[in-house]
Amino acid sequence: SDHKNSDNPIIAPGKRNGAQHMHDYAGNEGANFASDLDSLAESGTTCTNGDRSPIFWPVLRDLRGVGPDVGVDGGSLDGNVGSFVDPSSIDITFHGHGTRRTQAMPPNIALTTGSAKAGTADGEGANAKYTCSGFTDRLTELYPICPAGSSLLRVFDFPSCWNGQDLDSQDHTSHIVYPGDDGECPDDLVPVPALRITVGYDDPPP
């Protein structure tokens, strides 16, 4: 979308350039560092159902090009270079998991995945997954070279075992965590639908 900034209204509310890298957005068209529930409710949205949730992820960059953010926060001032690669598709789905019936996710819950600092924290918190259209049964943590005619897909899976009471937590992860490899939530947590955001790129950089 045209809406991009280097803010993170969940992790760093009230702090301009809180992400220190550029985010691309879907959903809420006014989300920024100063957002609150009132301002989000008053903004437009790209969602056809009127949902005003701010959905955002780091932009994909082509290191062969030059981005529009040279010399500014989130761009080269924070060590991020390359032209922006615009998504060709954004697919937002929810799915069940495990053997217990999921409960509805509460409105205004904060969901995060991965860590913006994983690259400088020995990979801790990293959760980037990639695949190629036509080969979605194969996920990799490495950037794949997709065959001709196949789109690059970035997959963001979000946690789905909720503590049943908090919409956020100090670390933005303790209130809702990932299920086990078998899809089951611990007995003391509430299973909610698992959010998956898949961002597609028709012409990804090599």
N, C-alpha and C. Protein backbone atom coordinates (compact mmCIF):
# COMPACT_ATOMS: atom_id res chain seq x y z
N SER A 1 0.85 -1.19 0.00
CA SER A 1 0.00 0.00 0.00
C SER A 1 0.88 1.24 0.00
N ASP A 2 0.27 2.40 -0.13
CA ASP A 2 1.01 3.66 -0.06
C ASP A 2 1.35 4.01 1.39
N HIS A 3 0.67 3.35 2.33
CA HIS A 3 0.87 3.66 3.74
C HIS A 3 2.07 2.88 4.28
N LYS A 4 3.14 3.59 4.56
CA LYS A 4 4.35 2.99 5.11
C LYS A 4 4.94 3.94 6.14
N ASN A 5 5.54 3.39 7.18
CA ASN A 5 6.30 4.20 8.12
C ASN A 5 7.20 3.28 8.93
N SER A 6 8.08 3.87 9.72
CA SER A 6 9.00 3.07 10.54
C SER A 6 8.56 3.04 11.99
N ASP A 7 7.25 3.19 12.22
CA ASP A 7 6.70 3.14 13.57
C ASP A 7 6.25 1.72 13.90
N ASN A 8 6.05 1.47 15.20
CA ASN A 8 5.44 0.22 15.63
C ASN A 8 4.50 0.54 16.78
N PRO A 9 3.20 0.75 16.47
CA PRO A 9 2.27 1.19 17.51
C PRO A 9 2.01 0.16 18.60
N ILE A 10 2.45 -1.09 18.41
CA ILE A 10 2.28 -2.09 19.47
C ILE A 10 3.51 -2.14 20.37
N ILE A 11 4.67 -2.35 19.77
CA ILE A 11 5.90 -2.51 20.55
C ILE A 11 6.40 -1.19 21.12
N ALA A 12 6.24 -0.11 20.35
CA ALA A 12 6.78 1.19 20.77
C ALA A 12 5.73 2.28 20.59
N PRO A 13 4.61 2.18 21.33
CA PRO A 13 3.57 3.22 21.20
C PRO A 13 4.09 4.58 21.65
N GLY A 14 3.73 5.61 20.89
CA GLY A 14 4.15 6.96 21.23
C GLY A 14 5.56 7.31 20.83
N LYS A 15 6.29 6.35 20.23
CA LYS A 15 7.69 6.60 19.87
C LYS A 15 7.83 6.59 18.35
N ARG A 16 8.13 7.77 17.79
CA ARG A 16 8.34 7.85 16.34
C ARG A 16 9.57 7.04 15.96
N ASN A 17 9.50 6.33 14.84
CA ASN A 17 10.57 5.46 14.36
C ASN A 17 10.87 4.34 15.36
N GLY A 18 9.84 3.87 16.03
CA GLY A 18 10.03 2.83 17.04
C GLY A 18 10.50 1.51 16.47
N ALA A 19 10.27 1.26 15.18
CA ALA A 19 10.69 0.00 14.57
C ALA A 19 12.12 0.06 14.05
N GLN A 20 12.55 1.26 13.64
CA GLN A 20 13.86 1.47 13.00
C GLN A 20 14.01 0.67 11.71
N HIS A 21 12.91 0.31 11.11
CA HIS A 21 12.87 -0.22 9.75
C HIS A 21 11.48 0.08 9.21
N MET A 22 11.34 0.13 7.89
CA MET A 22 10.07 0.50 7.30
C MET A 22 9.06 -0.64 7.38
N HIS A 23 7.82 -0.29 7.71
CA HIS A 23 6.71 -1.23 7.70
C HIS A 23 5.79 -0.93 6.52
N ASP A 24 5.25 -1.98 5.93
CA ASP A 24 4.17 -1.89 4.97
C ASP A 24 2.89 -2.23 5.72
N TYR A 25 1.78 -1.64 5.34
CA TYR A 25 0.53 -1.80 6.08
C TYR A 25 -0.60 -2.32 5.20
N ALA A 26 -1.49 -3.05 5.84
CA ALA A 26 -2.82 -3.34 5.30
C ALA A 26 -3.81 -3.02 6.41
N GLY A 27 -5.09 -2.94 6.05
CA GLY A 27 -6.07 -2.59 7.06
C GLY A 27 -6.07 -1.10 7.32
N ASN A 28 -5.86 -0.71 8.57
CA ASN A 28 -5.97 0.68 8.97
C ASN A 28 -5.02 1.58 8.19
N GLU A 29 -5.58 2.66 7.63
CA GLU A 29 -4.79 3.53 6.76
C GLU A 29 -4.15 4.71 7.49
N GLY A 30 -4.39 4.82 8.80
CA GLY A 30 -3.83 5.94 9.54
C GLY A 30 -2.89 5.52 10.65
N ALA A 31 -2.59 4.24 10.76
CA ALA A 31 -1.80 3.75 11.89
C ALA A 31 -0.40 4.35 11.89
N ASN A 32 0.01 4.84 13.07
CA ASN A 32 1.38 5.33 13.26
C ASN A 32 1.71 5.27 14.74
N PHE A 33 2.85 5.88 15.12
CA PHE A 33 3.32 5.78 16.50
C PHE A 33 2.33 6.36 17.50
N ALA A 34 1.51 7.32 17.08
CA ALA A 34 0.60 8.00 17.99
C ALA A 34 -0.78 7.36 18.05
N SER A 35 -0.97 6.24 17.36
CA SER A 35 -2.30 5.63 17.28
C SER A 35 -2.81 5.17 18.64
N ASP A 36 -4.10 5.35 18.83
CA ASP A 36 -4.81 4.73 19.95
C ASP A 36 -6.13 4.20 19.42
N LEU A 37 -6.92 3.58 20.27
CA LEU A 37 -8.16 2.95 19.79
C LEU A 37 -9.09 3.97 19.14
N ASP A 38 -9.12 5.19 19.66
CA ASP A 38 -10.00 6.22 19.11
C ASP A 38 -9.54 6.64 17.71
N SER A 39 -8.23 6.90 17.55
CA SER A 39 -7.75 7.34 16.24
C SER A 39 -7.85 6.22 15.21
N LEU A 40 -7.62 4.98 15.64
CA LEU A 40 -7.75 3.86 14.70
C LEU A 40 -9.20 3.72 14.24
N ALA A 41 -10.15 3.93 15.14
CA ALA A 41 -11.56 3.81 14.80
C ALA A 41 -12.01 4.88 13.81
N GLU A 42 -11.30 6.01 13.79
CA GLU A 42 -11.67 7.13 12.91
C GLU A 42 -10.99 7.08 11.55
N SER A 43 -10.02 6.15 11.38
CA SER A 43 -9.26 6.07 10.13
C SER A 43 -9.96 5.18 9.12
N GLY A 44 -9.59 5.36 7.86
CA GLY A 44 -10.09 4.48 6.82
C GLY A 44 -9.39 3.13 6.88
N THR A 45 -9.84 2.19 6.04
CA THR A 45 -9.25 0.87 6.02
C THR A 45 -9.24 0.31 4.60
N THR A 46 -8.27 -0.53 4.33
CA THR A 46 -8.23 -1.23 3.03
C THR A 46 -9.06 -2.50 3.07
N CYS A 47 -9.56 -2.88 4.25
CA CYS A 47 -10.35 -4.12 4.37
C CYS A 47 -11.76 -3.92 3.85
N THR A 48 -12.22 -4.83 3.02
CA THR A 48 -13.56 -4.69 2.44
C THR A 48 -14.66 -4.89 3.47
N ASN A 49 -14.35 -5.54 4.61
CA ASN A 49 -15.37 -5.75 5.63
C ASN A 49 -15.39 -4.64 6.67
N GLY A 50 -14.57 -3.59 6.46
CA GLY A 50 -14.56 -2.46 7.39
C GLY A 50 -13.67 -2.63 8.60
N ASP A 51 -12.98 -3.75 8.73
CA ASP A 51 -12.09 -3.97 9.87
C ASP A 51 -10.98 -2.91 9.85
N ARG A 52 -10.77 -2.25 10.98
CA ARG A 52 -9.78 -1.18 11.06
C ARG A 52 -8.52 -1.59 11.82
N SER A 53 -8.30 -2.87 11.95
CA SER A 53 -7.07 -3.33 12.60
C SER A 53 -5.86 -2.89 11.78
N PRO A 54 -4.80 -2.41 12.45
CA PRO A 54 -3.55 -2.14 11.73
C PRO A 54 -2.76 -3.44 11.58
N ILE A 55 -2.48 -3.83 10.36
CA ILE A 55 -1.72 -5.03 10.06
C ILE A 55 -0.45 -4.58 9.34
N PHE A 56 0.70 -4.96 9.87
CA PHE A 56 1.93 -4.43 9.27
C PHE A 56 3.07 -5.44 9.39
N TRP A 57 4.03 -5.29 8.48
CA TRP A 57 5.18 -6.19 8.39
C TRP A 57 6.33 -5.41 7.76
N PRO A 58 7.58 -5.85 7.96
CA PRO A 58 8.71 -5.13 7.35
C PRO A 58 8.64 -5.19 5.83
N VAL A 59 8.97 -4.08 5.18
CA VAL A 59 8.99 -4.07 3.72
C VAL A 59 10.06 -5.03 3.21
N LEU A 60 9.82 -5.61 2.04
CA LEU A 60 10.84 -6.39 1.35
C LEU A 60 11.64 -5.43 0.48
N ARG A 61 12.96 -5.55 0.49
CA ARG A 61 13.82 -4.63 -0.24
C ARG A 61 14.62 -5.36 -1.31
N ASP A 62 14.86 -4.66 -2.40
CA ASP A 62 15.73 -5.13 -3.46
C ASP A 62 17.04 -4.35 -3.33
N LEU A 63 18.11 -5.03 -2.93
CA LEU A 63 19.37 -4.34 -2.65
C LEU A 63 20.01 -3.77 -3.90
N ARG A 64 19.50 -4.14 -5.08
CA ARG A 64 20.04 -3.57 -6.32
C ARG A 64 19.49 -2.18 -6.59
N GLY A 65 18.42 -1.81 -5.89
CA GLY A 65 17.76 -0.53 -6.13
C GLY A 65 17.99 0.46 -5.00
N VAL A 66 17.43 1.63 -5.17
CA VAL A 66 17.53 2.70 -4.17
C VAL A 66 16.12 3.04 -3.70
N GLY A 67 15.92 3.00 -2.41
CA GLY A 67 14.59 3.28 -1.86
C GLY A 67 14.32 4.76 -1.70
N PRO A 68 13.07 5.11 -1.38
CA PRO A 68 12.70 6.51 -1.18
C PRO A 68 13.08 7.03 0.21
N ASP A 69 13.75 6.19 1.01
CA ASP A 69 14.02 6.55 2.40
C ASP A 69 15.52 6.70 2.68
N VAL A 70 16.25 7.15 1.66
CA VAL A 70 17.67 7.44 1.86
C VAL A 70 17.80 8.67 2.76
N GLY A 71 18.62 8.57 3.80
CA GLY A 71 18.88 9.72 4.67
C GLY A 71 17.79 10.02 5.66
N VAL A 72 16.84 9.09 5.84
CA VAL A 72 15.77 9.33 6.81
C VAL A 72 15.65 8.14 7.75
N ASP A 73 14.93 8.35 8.86
CA ASP A 73 14.69 7.29 9.84
C ASP A 73 14.00 6.11 9.17
N GLY A 74 14.36 4.93 9.61
CA GLY A 74 13.79 3.71 9.04
C GLY A 74 14.49 3.28 7.78
N GLY A 75 15.17 4.21 7.12
CA GLY A 75 15.91 3.93 5.90
C GLY A 75 17.40 3.86 6.18
N SER A 76 18.18 4.59 5.38
CA SER A 76 19.63 4.46 5.50
C SER A 76 20.16 4.99 6.83
N LEU A 77 19.43 5.89 7.50
CA LEU A 77 19.88 6.34 8.82
C LEU A 77 19.89 5.19 9.82
N ASP A 78 19.06 4.17 9.59
CA ASP A 78 19.02 2.99 10.45
C ASP A 78 19.67 1.78 9.79
N GLY A 79 20.41 2.03 8.70
CA GLY A 79 21.15 0.94 8.06
C GLY A 79 20.34 0.11 7.09
N ASN A 80 19.15 0.58 6.69
CA ASN A 80 18.29 -0.17 5.78
C ASN A 80 18.34 0.46 4.39
N VAL A 81 18.78 -0.30 3.40
CA VAL A 81 18.92 0.23 2.04
C VAL A 81 18.23 -0.70 1.05
N GLY A 82 18.02 -0.18 -0.15
CA GLY A 82 17.37 -0.94 -1.21
C GLY A 82 15.99 -0.40 -1.51
N SER A 83 15.54 -0.66 -2.73
CA SER A 83 14.21 -0.20 -3.14
C SER A 83 13.14 -1.10 -2.54
N PHE A 84 11.93 -0.55 -2.39
CA PHE A 84 10.81 -1.32 -1.85
C PHE A 84 10.26 -2.24 -2.93
N VAL A 85 9.94 -3.48 -2.54
CA VAL A 85 9.24 -4.40 -3.43
C VAL A 85 7.80 -4.47 -2.95
N ASP A 86 6.87 -4.03 -3.79
CA ASP A 86 5.47 -3.98 -3.37
C ASP A 86 4.82 -5.35 -3.47
N PRO A 87 4.03 -5.73 -2.48
CA PRO A 87 3.34 -7.01 -2.54
C PRO A 87 2.33 -7.05 -3.68
N SER A 88 2.14 -8.24 -4.23
CA SER A 88 1.10 -8.45 -5.23
C SER A 88 -0.16 -9.02 -4.61
N SER A 89 -0.06 -9.56 -3.40
CA SER A 89 -1.22 -10.12 -2.70
C SER A 89 -0.97 -10.13 -1.21
N ILE A 90 -2.04 -10.01 -0.45
CA ILE A 90 -1.99 -10.13 1.00
C ILE A 90 -3.16 -11.01 1.41
N ASP A 91 -2.87 -12.17 1.96
CA ASP A 91 -3.90 -13.14 2.32
C ASP A 91 -3.93 -13.28 3.84
N ILE A 92 -5.07 -13.00 4.43
CA ILE A 92 -5.23 -13.04 5.89
C ILE A 92 -6.24 -14.12 6.23
N THR A 93 -5.80 -15.16 6.93
CA THR A 93 -6.69 -16.27 7.26
C THR A 93 -6.56 -16.61 8.75
N PHE A 94 -7.58 -17.28 9.25
CA PHE A 94 -7.57 -17.84 10.60
C PHE A 94 -7.84 -19.33 10.50
N HIS A 95 -7.19 -20.12 11.34
CA HIS A 95 -7.45 -21.55 11.31
C HIS A 95 -7.44 -22.11 12.73
N GLY A 96 -8.14 -23.23 12.89
CA GLY A 96 -8.16 -23.93 14.16
C GLY A 96 -6.90 -24.77 14.31
N HIS A 97 -6.75 -25.36 15.49
CA HIS A 97 -5.57 -26.18 15.77
C HIS A 97 -5.87 -27.04 16.99
N GLY A 98 -5.21 -28.17 17.06
CA GLY A 98 -5.39 -29.05 18.20
C GLY A 98 -6.78 -29.68 18.24
N THR A 99 -7.12 -30.27 19.37
CA THR A 99 -8.38 -31.01 19.50
C THR A 99 -9.45 -30.23 20.26
N ARG A 100 -9.08 -29.13 20.92
CA ARG A 100 -10.08 -28.34 21.66
C ARG A 100 -10.69 -27.30 20.72
N ARG A 101 -11.95 -27.02 20.94
CA ARG A 101 -12.65 -26.01 20.14
C ARG A 101 -12.10 -24.62 20.47
N THR A 102 -11.82 -23.82 19.43
CA THR A 102 -11.32 -22.47 19.68
C THR A 102 -12.44 -21.55 20.12
N GLN A 103 -12.09 -20.57 20.94
CA GLN A 103 -13.01 -19.50 21.32
C GLN A 103 -12.69 -18.27 20.47
N ALA A 104 -13.67 -17.40 20.34
CA ALA A 104 -13.46 -16.19 19.55
C ALA A 104 -12.34 -15.35 20.16
N MET A 105 -11.51 -14.79 19.30
CA MET A 105 -10.45 -13.90 19.76
C MET A 105 -11.08 -12.59 20.23
N PRO A 106 -10.65 -12.05 21.36
CA PRO A 106 -11.27 -10.81 21.85
C PRO A 106 -10.90 -9.62 20.98
N PRO A 107 -11.80 -8.65 20.83
CA PRO A 107 -11.46 -7.44 20.07
C PRO A 107 -10.30 -6.70 20.72
N ASN A 108 -9.48 -6.07 19.88
CA ASN A 108 -8.39 -5.18 20.30
C ASN A 108 -7.23 -5.90 20.98
N ILE A 109 -7.12 -7.22 20.80
CA ILE A 109 -5.97 -7.93 21.36
C ILE A 109 -4.74 -7.60 20.52
N ALA A 110 -3.58 -7.49 21.18
CA ALA A 110 -2.32 -7.21 20.49
C ALA A 110 -1.66 -8.53 20.12
N LEU A 111 -1.31 -8.68 18.84
CA LEU A 111 -0.64 -9.88 18.35
C LEU A 111 0.67 -9.50 17.69
N THR A 112 1.75 -10.20 18.06
CA THR A 112 3.04 -9.97 17.41
C THR A 112 3.63 -11.32 17.03
N THR A 113 4.51 -11.29 16.06
CA THR A 113 5.25 -12.49 15.69
C THR A 113 6.67 -12.10 15.33
N GLY A 114 7.62 -12.95 15.70
CA GLY A 114 9.00 -12.69 15.36
C GLY A 114 9.58 -11.58 16.21
N SER A 115 10.78 -11.16 15.84
CA SER A 115 11.49 -10.11 16.55
C SER A 115 12.26 -9.26 15.57
N ALA A 116 12.08 -7.95 15.66
CA ALA A 116 12.80 -7.04 14.76
C ALA A 116 14.30 -7.09 15.03
N LYS A 117 14.70 -7.54 16.22
CA LYS A 117 16.11 -7.54 16.60
C LYS A 117 16.73 -8.93 16.51
N ALA A 118 16.03 -9.88 15.87
CA ALA A 118 16.54 -11.25 15.83
C ALA A 118 17.91 -11.34 15.19
N GLY A 119 18.17 -10.49 14.22
CA GLY A 119 19.45 -10.54 13.53
C GLY A 119 20.62 -10.18 14.41
N THR A 120 20.37 -9.42 15.47
CA THR A 120 21.44 -9.03 16.38
C THR A 120 21.31 -9.75 17.73
N ALA A 121 20.41 -10.72 17.81
CA ALA A 121 20.20 -11.46 19.06
C ALA A 121 20.38 -12.96 18.83
N ASP A 122 21.37 -13.31 18.00
CA ASP A 122 21.66 -14.71 17.70
C ASP A 122 20.44 -15.46 17.19
N GLY A 123 19.56 -14.73 16.49
CA GLY A 123 18.39 -15.37 15.91
C GLY A 123 17.24 -15.57 16.87
N GLU A 124 17.40 -15.19 18.14
CA GLU A 124 16.34 -15.42 19.11
C GLU A 124 15.10 -14.61 18.74
N GLY A 125 13.95 -15.28 18.71
CA GLY A 125 12.70 -14.61 18.39
C GLY A 125 12.40 -14.56 16.91
N ALA A 126 13.31 -15.05 16.07
CA ALA A 126 13.07 -15.02 14.63
C ALA A 126 11.91 -15.94 14.28
N ASN A 127 11.07 -15.49 13.37
CA ASN A 127 9.93 -16.33 12.98
C ASN A 127 9.55 -16.10 11.53
N ALA A 128 10.53 -15.76 10.71
CA ALA A 128 10.24 -15.54 9.30
C ALA A 128 10.18 -16.88 8.58
N LYS A 129 9.16 -17.06 7.76
CA LYS A 129 9.05 -18.26 6.96
C LYS A 129 8.73 -17.85 5.52
N TYR A 130 9.25 -18.61 4.58
CA TYR A 130 9.05 -18.32 3.18
C TYR A 130 8.64 -19.59 2.45
N THR A 131 7.95 -19.40 1.33
CA THR A 131 7.67 -20.50 0.42
C THR A 131 7.43 -19.87 -0.96
N CYS A 132 7.14 -20.73 -1.92
CA CYS A 132 6.84 -20.27 -3.27
C CYS A 132 5.47 -20.79 -3.66
N SER A 133 4.70 -19.97 -4.39
CA SER A 133 3.38 -20.45 -4.83
C SER A 133 3.56 -21.70 -5.67
N GLY A 134 2.68 -22.67 -5.43
CA GLY A 134 2.80 -23.96 -6.08
C GLY A 134 3.63 -24.96 -5.30
N PHE A 135 4.29 -24.47 -4.24
CA PHE A 135 5.13 -25.34 -3.42
C PHE A 135 4.88 -25.07 -1.94
N THR A 136 3.63 -24.73 -1.58
CA THR A 136 3.35 -24.25 -0.24
C THR A 136 3.44 -25.34 0.83
N ASP A 137 3.64 -26.59 0.42
CA ASP A 137 3.86 -27.64 1.42
C ASP A 137 5.28 -27.60 1.95
N ARG A 138 6.11 -26.74 1.37
CA ARG A 138 7.51 -26.63 1.79
C ARG A 138 7.77 -25.21 2.29
N LEU A 139 8.03 -25.08 3.59
CA LEU A 139 8.36 -23.79 4.20
C LEU A 139 9.84 -23.79 4.56
N THR A 140 10.46 -22.63 4.44
CA THR A 140 11.88 -22.51 4.77
C THR A 140 12.11 -21.21 5.53
N GLU A 141 13.11 -21.21 6.40
CA GLU A 141 13.50 -19.98 7.09
C GLU A 141 14.49 -19.17 6.25
N LEU A 142 14.93 -19.75 5.14
CA LEU A 142 15.87 -19.07 4.25
C LEU A 142 15.11 -18.46 3.08
N TYR A 143 15.63 -17.39 2.53
CA TYR A 143 15.00 -16.73 1.38
C TYR A 143 15.13 -17.64 0.16
N PRO A 144 14.02 -18.10 -0.41
CA PRO A 144 14.11 -19.05 -1.53
C PRO A 144 14.18 -18.35 -2.89
N ILE A 145 14.76 -19.01 -3.84
CA ILE A 145 14.71 -18.56 -5.23
C ILE A 145 13.58 -19.34 -5.88
N CYS A 146 12.48 -18.67 -6.18
CA CYS A 146 11.30 -19.34 -6.73
C CYS A 146 11.46 -19.53 -8.24
N PRO A 147 10.94 -20.63 -8.77
CA PRO A 147 11.04 -20.86 -10.21
C PRO A 147 10.20 -19.85 -11.00
N ALA A 148 10.46 -19.74 -12.27
CA ALA A 148 9.72 -18.81 -13.13
C ALA A 148 8.23 -19.08 -13.02
N GLY A 149 7.45 -18.00 -12.92
CA GLY A 149 6.00 -18.12 -12.83
C GLY A 149 5.48 -18.38 -11.43
N SER A 150 6.38 -18.52 -10.46
CA SER A 150 5.99 -18.76 -9.07
C SER A 150 6.28 -17.52 -8.25
N SER A 151 5.34 -17.16 -7.38
CA SER A 151 5.50 -15.98 -6.53
C SER A 151 6.19 -16.35 -5.22
N LEU A 152 7.00 -15.42 -4.71
CA LEU A 152 7.56 -15.56 -3.37
C LEU A 152 6.46 -15.28 -2.36
N LEU A 153 6.34 -16.11 -1.33
CA LEU A 153 5.36 -15.91 -0.28
C LEU A 153 6.08 -15.81 1.06
N ARG A 154 5.83 -14.70 1.77
CA ARG A 154 6.31 -14.54 3.15
C ARG A 154 5.16 -14.91 4.07
N VAL A 155 5.42 -15.80 5.01
CA VAL A 155 4.36 -16.33 5.87
C VAL A 155 4.62 -15.88 7.31
N PHE A 156 3.61 -15.23 7.89
CA PHE A 156 3.68 -14.78 9.28
C PHE A 156 2.61 -15.53 10.07
N ASP A 157 3.03 -16.43 10.96
CA ASP A 157 2.10 -17.15 11.82
C ASP A 157 2.11 -16.53 13.21
N PHE A 158 0.92 -16.30 13.76
CA PHE A 158 0.78 -15.62 15.04
C PHE A 158 0.36 -16.61 16.13
N PRO A 159 0.67 -16.29 17.40
CA PRO A 159 0.33 -17.18 18.51
C PRO A 159 -1.18 -17.28 18.72
N SER A 160 -1.61 -18.38 19.35
CA SER A 160 -3.06 -18.64 19.43
C SER A 160 -3.47 -19.37 20.70
N CYS A 161 -2.68 -19.25 21.77
CA CYS A 161 -3.05 -19.79 23.08
C CYS A 161 -3.10 -18.61 24.06
N TRP A 162 -4.30 -18.16 24.40
CA TRP A 162 -4.52 -16.90 25.13
C TRP A 162 -4.73 -17.19 26.61
N ASN A 163 -4.28 -16.25 27.45
CA ASN A 163 -4.45 -16.44 28.90
C ASN A 163 -5.87 -16.15 29.37
N GLY A 164 -6.74 -15.73 28.46
CA GLY A 164 -8.15 -15.58 28.79
C GLY A 164 -8.54 -14.27 29.42
N GLN A 165 -7.57 -13.37 29.67
CA GLN A 165 -7.94 -12.12 30.32
C GLN A 165 -7.26 -10.88 29.78
N ASP A 166 -6.00 -10.97 29.37
CA ASP A 166 -5.26 -9.76 29.00
C ASP A 166 -5.25 -9.55 27.49
N LEU A 167 -5.42 -8.28 27.07
CA LEU A 167 -5.36 -7.92 25.66
C LEU A 167 -3.93 -7.61 25.22
N ASP A 168 -3.04 -7.42 26.18
CA ASP A 168 -1.64 -7.14 25.88
C ASP A 168 -0.84 -7.50 27.13
N SER A 169 0.47 -7.48 27.03
CA SER A 169 1.34 -7.74 28.17
C SER A 169 2.58 -6.89 28.00
N GLN A 170 3.37 -6.78 29.05
CA GLN A 170 4.51 -5.86 29.01
C GLN A 170 5.46 -6.22 27.89
N ASP A 171 5.67 -7.52 27.65
CA ASP A 171 6.56 -7.94 26.57
C ASP A 171 5.82 -8.20 25.26
N HIS A 172 4.51 -7.99 25.25
CA HIS A 172 3.63 -8.14 24.08
C HIS A 172 3.55 -9.59 23.58
N THR A 173 4.04 -10.53 24.38
CA THR A 173 3.97 -11.94 23.99
C THR A 173 3.43 -12.84 25.09
N SER A 174 3.55 -12.45 26.35
CA SER A 174 3.18 -13.36 27.45
C SER A 174 1.69 -13.66 27.50
N HIS A 175 0.85 -12.73 27.04
CA HIS A 175 -0.59 -12.93 27.16
C HIS A 175 -1.14 -13.92 26.14
N ILE A 176 -0.38 -14.16 25.06
CA ILE A 176 -0.82 -15.11 24.04
C ILE A 176 0.42 -15.75 23.43
N VAL A 177 0.48 -17.08 23.49
CA VAL A 177 1.69 -17.80 23.10
C VAL A 177 1.34 -18.85 22.05
N TYR A 178 2.38 -19.47 21.50
CA TYR A 178 2.19 -20.47 20.46
C TYR A 178 1.79 -21.81 21.05
N PRO A 179 0.96 -22.58 20.33
CA PRO A 179 0.68 -23.95 20.75
C PRO A 179 1.91 -24.83 20.55
N GLY A 180 1.85 -26.06 21.07
CA GLY A 180 2.93 -27.01 20.85
C GLY A 180 2.94 -27.48 19.41
N ASP A 181 3.93 -28.30 19.08
CA ASP A 181 4.04 -28.82 17.72
C ASP A 181 2.82 -29.63 17.31
N ASP A 182 2.08 -30.14 18.30
CA ASP A 182 0.86 -30.91 18.00
C ASP A 182 -0.37 -30.01 17.86
N GLY A 183 -0.17 -28.68 17.96
CA GLY A 183 -1.28 -27.75 17.81
C GLY A 183 -2.07 -27.53 19.08
N GLU A 184 -1.69 -28.20 20.16
CA GLU A 184 -2.45 -28.11 21.41
C GLU A 184 -1.96 -26.95 22.28
N CYS A 185 -2.91 -26.27 22.94
CA CYS A 185 -2.59 -25.26 23.93
C CYS A 185 -2.47 -25.93 25.31
N PRO A 186 -1.64 -25.39 26.19
CA PRO A 186 -1.65 -25.89 27.57
C PRO A 186 -3.05 -25.81 28.16
N ASP A 187 -3.34 -26.68 29.12
CA ASP A 187 -4.69 -26.78 29.67
C ASP A 187 -5.18 -25.48 30.29
N ASP A 188 -4.25 -24.65 30.79
CA ASP A 188 -4.68 -23.43 31.46
C ASP A 188 -4.81 -22.24 30.52
N LEU A 189 -4.62 -22.46 29.21
CA LEU A 189 -4.76 -21.38 28.24
C LEU A 189 -5.92 -21.68 27.29
N VAL A 190 -6.47 -20.61 26.72
CA VAL A 190 -7.64 -20.70 25.86
C VAL A 190 -7.19 -20.74 24.40
N PRO A 191 -7.55 -21.80 23.65
CA PRO A 191 -7.22 -21.80 22.22
C PRO A 191 -8.11 -20.80 21.46
N VAL A 192 -7.49 -19.93 20.69
CA VAL A 192 -8.21 -18.99 19.83
C VAL A 192 -7.75 -19.25 18.39
N PRO A 193 -8.50 -18.79 17.40
CA PRO A 193 -8.09 -19.02 16.01
C PRO A 193 -6.68 -18.49 15.73
N ALA A 194 -5.90 -19.24 14.98
CA ALA A 194 -4.53 -18.85 14.67
C ALA A 194 -4.52 -17.99 13.41
N LEU A 195 -3.97 -16.79 13.54
CA LEU A 195 -3.87 -15.86 12.42
C LEU A 195 -2.65 -16.19 11.59
N ARG A 196 -2.84 -16.26 10.27
CA ARG A 196 -1.72 -16.39 9.33
C ARG A 196 -1.85 -15.30 8.28
N ILE A 197 -0.80 -14.51 8.12
CA ILE A 197 -0.75 -13.50 7.07
C ILE A 197 0.29 -13.95 6.05
N THR A 198 -0.14 -14.08 4.80
CA THR A 198 0.76 -14.48 3.72
C THR A 198 0.87 -13.32 2.74
N VAL A 199 2.08 -12.80 2.57
CA VAL A 199 2.32 -11.67 1.68
C VAL A 199 3.03 -12.21 0.44
N GLY A 200 2.43 -11.99 -0.73
CA GLY A 200 2.97 -12.51 -1.98
C GLY A 200 3.66 -11.43 -2.79
N TYR A 201 4.71 -11.82 -3.51
CA TYR A 201 5.47 -10.92 -4.36
C TYR A 201 5.63 -11.60 -5.71
N ASP A 202 5.05 -11.00 -6.77
CA ASP A 202 5.10 -11.61 -8.10
C ASP A 202 6.48 -11.52 -8.74
N ASP A 203 7.22 -10.46 -8.38
CA ASP A 203 8.52 -10.25 -9.02
C ASP A 203 9.57 -10.01 -7.94
N PRO A 204 9.87 -11.04 -7.15
CA PRO A 204 10.79 -10.84 -6.02
C PRO A 204 12.23 -10.67 -6.49
N PRO A 205 13.03 -9.97 -5.71
CA PRO A 205 14.44 -9.84 -6.08
C PRO A 205 15.15 -11.18 -5.94
N PRO A 206 16.19 -11.46 -6.74
CA PRO A 206 16.91 -12.71 -6.65
C PRO A 206 17.78 -12.77 -5.39
